[in-house]
Amino acid sequence: MPESKGRKKTANRGYQLHPQRKQRSKPSPKWFAPAMGALMIVGIGIIVWNFFRNDGQSFDPKIMWLGLGVLAAGFFGISFWK
């Protein structure tokens, strides 16, 4: 009776004793966190300035959205800080 050739053995794809680890990404530059903090403070400043300019008589929603956008950009940027 002829013998079967069997399966070809491939590289060990199963359990690895020492699995490969992900390389750590580079840390953020030192200026990154202060810049994002400054963006958030500027956004709050724009919002407060919008409420208190001209004795509170002329509230502009466009300036409010600008302040919220700058504030959100600061929060979004700080989420990438390492």
C-alpha atoms as a PDB file:
ATOM      1  CA  MET A   1       0.000   0.000   0.000  1.00  0.00           C
ATOM      2  CA  PRO A   2       1.439   3.439  -0.943  1.00  0.00           C
ATOM      3  CA  GLU A   3       2.234   5.909   1.865  1.00  0.00           C
ATOM      4  CA  SER A   4       0.601   9.319   1.863  1.00  0.00           C
ATOM      5  CA  LYS A   5       2.810  12.357   1.625  1.00  0.00           C
ATOM      6  CA  GLY A   6       1.141  14.070   4.543  1.00  0.00           C
ATOM      7  CA  ARG A   7       0.817  17.782   5.099  1.00  0.00           C
ATOM      8  CA  LYS A   8       3.689  20.136   4.565  1.00  0.00           C
ATOM      9  CA  LYS A   9       4.817  21.584   7.822  1.00  0.00           C
ATOM     10  CA  THR A  10       4.690  25.367   7.919  1.00  0.00           C
ATOM     11  CA  ALA A  11       6.264  27.802  10.310  1.00  0.00           C
ATOM     12  CA  ASN A  12       5.014  27.544  13.848  1.00  0.00           C
ATOM     13  CA  ARG A  13       1.754  29.482  13.614  1.00  0.00           C
ATOM     14  CA  GLY A  14       0.337  28.192  16.846  1.00  0.00           C
ATOM     15  CA  TYR A  15       1.339  29.094  20.330  1.00  0.00           C
ATOM     16  CA  GLN A  16       4.427  31.266  20.634  1.00  0.00           C
ATOM     17  CA  LEU A  17       6.472  31.162  23.776  1.00  0.00           C
ATOM     18  CA  HIS A  18       7.533  34.788  23.377  1.00  0.00           C
ATOM     19  CA  PRO A  19       5.011  36.653  21.225  1.00  0.00           C
ATOM     20  CA  GLN A  20       6.147  39.696  19.318  1.00  0.00           C
ATOM     21  CA  ARG A  21       5.342  42.896  21.153  1.00  0.00           C
ATOM     22  CA  LYS A  22       4.148  46.114  19.630  1.00  0.00           C
ATOM     23  CA  GLN A  23       6.706  48.849  19.454  1.00  0.00           C
ATOM     24  CA  ARG A  24       5.905  51.891  21.533  1.00  0.00           C
ATOM     25  CA  SER A  25       5.171  55.019  19.592  1.00  0.00           C
ATOM     26  CA  LYS A  26       7.250  58.116  20.075  1.00  0.00           C
ATOM     27  CA  PRO A  27       6.310  60.435  22.923  1.00  0.00           C
ATOM     28  CA  SER A  28       4.790  63.793  22.061  1.00  0.00           C
ATOM     29  CA  PRO A  29       7.028  66.852  21.866  1.00  0.00           C
ATOM     30  CA  LYS A  30       7.342  68.883  25.059  1.00  0.00           C
ATOM     31  CA  TRP A  31       5.408  71.803  23.568  1.00  0.00           C
ATOM     32  CA  PHE A  32       2.363  69.697  22.630  1.00  0.00           C
ATOM     33  CA  ALA A  33       0.513  69.599  25.974  1.00  0.00           C
ATOM     34  CA  PRO A  34       1.006  73.315  26.739  1.00  0.00           C
ATOM     35  CA  ALA A  35      -0.165  74.201  23.217  1.00  0.00           C
ATOM     36  CA  MET A  36      -3.355  72.149  23.624  1.00  0.00           C
ATOM     37  CA  GLY A  37      -3.918  73.663  27.070  1.00  0.00           C
ATOM     38  CA  ALA A  38      -3.503  77.120  25.565  1.00  0.00           C
ATOM     39  CA  LEU A  39      -6.052  76.254  22.853  1.00  0.00           C
ATOM     40  CA  MET A  40      -8.578  75.273  25.509  1.00  0.00           C
ATOM     41  CA  ILE A  41      -7.957  78.457  27.497  1.00  0.00           C
ATOM     42  CA  VAL A  42      -8.291  80.590  24.346  1.00  0.00           C
ATOM     43  CA  GLY A  43     -11.580  78.830  23.529  1.00  0.00           C
ATOM     44  CA  ILE A  44     -12.933  79.585  27.006  1.00  0.00           C
ATOM     45  CA  GLY A  45     -11.701  83.160  26.655  1.00  0.00           C
ATOM     46  CA  ILE A  46     -13.561  83.597  23.353  1.00  0.00           C
ATOM     47  CA  ILE A  47     -16.772  82.281  24.901  1.00  0.00           C
ATOM     48  CA  VAL A  48     -16.487  84.538  27.962  1.00  0.00           C
ATOM     49  CA  TRP A  49     -15.553  87.549  25.805  1.00  0.00           C
ATOM     50  CA  ASN A  50     -18.628  86.900  23.643  1.00  0.00           C
ATOM     51  CA  PHE A  51     -20.908  87.105  26.676  1.00  0.00           C
ATOM     52  CA  PHE A  52     -19.381  90.206  28.235  1.00  0.00           C
ATOM     53  CA  ARG A  53     -18.658  92.425  25.236  1.00  0.00           C
ATOM     54  CA  ASN A  54     -20.843  95.531  24.873  1.00  0.00           C
ATOM     55  CA  ASP A  55     -22.474  94.946  28.276  1.00  0.00           C
ATOM     56  CA  GLY A  56     -24.068  91.675  27.170  1.00  0.00           C
ATOM     57  CA  GLN A  57     -26.357  93.274  24.579  1.00  0.00           C
ATOM     58  CA  SER A  58     -24.833  91.772  21.416  1.00  0.00           C
ATOM     59  CA  PHE A  59     -24.465  87.998  21.700  1.00  0.00           C
ATOM     60  CA  ASP A  60     -23.220  86.484  18.432  1.00  0.00           C
ATOM     61  CA  PRO A  61     -23.794  82.737  17.976  1.00  0.00           C
ATOM     62  CA  LYS A  62     -21.036  82.547  15.341  1.00  0.00           C
ATOM     63  CA  ILE A  63     -18.437  83.690  17.856  1.00  0.00           C
ATOM     64  CA  MET A  64     -19.860  81.207  20.376  1.00  0.00           C
ATOM     65  CA  TRP A  65     -19.380  78.366  17.875  1.00  0.00           C
ATOM     66  CA  LEU A  66     -15.868  79.614  17.152  1.00  0.00           C
ATOM     67  CA  GLY A  67     -15.023  79.431  20.860  1.00  0.00           C
ATOM     68  CA  LEU A  68     -16.533  75.967  21.182  1.00  0.00           C
ATOM     69  CA  GLY A  69     -14.612  74.823  18.100  1.00  0.00           C
ATOM     70  CA  VAL A  70     -11.283  76.063  19.476  1.00  0.00           C
ATOM     71  CA  LEU A  71     -12.075  74.437  22.826  1.00  0.00           C
ATOM     72  CA  ALA A  72     -12.988  71.155  21.096  1.00  0.00           C
ATOM     73  CA  ALA A  73      -9.774  71.286  19.042  1.00  0.00           C
ATOM     74  CA  GLY A  74      -7.817  71.511  22.288  1.00  0.00           C
ATOM     75  CA  PHE A  75      -9.647  68.525  23.775  1.00  0.00           C
ATOM     76  CA  PHE A  76      -9.232  66.525  20.572  1.00  0.00           C
ATOM     77  CA  GLY A  77      -5.531  67.310  20.401  1.00  0.00           C
ATOM     78  CA  ILE A  78      -4.866  66.429  24.034  1.00  0.00           C
ATOM     79  CA  SER A  79      -6.365  62.979  23.433  1.00  0.00           C
ATOM     80  CA  PHE A  80      -3.278  62.175  21.308  1.00  0.00           C
ATOM     81  CA  TRP A  81      -0.786  63.304  23.961  1.00  0.00           C
ATOM     82  CA  LYS A  82       1.625  60.585  25.142  1.00  0.00           C
END
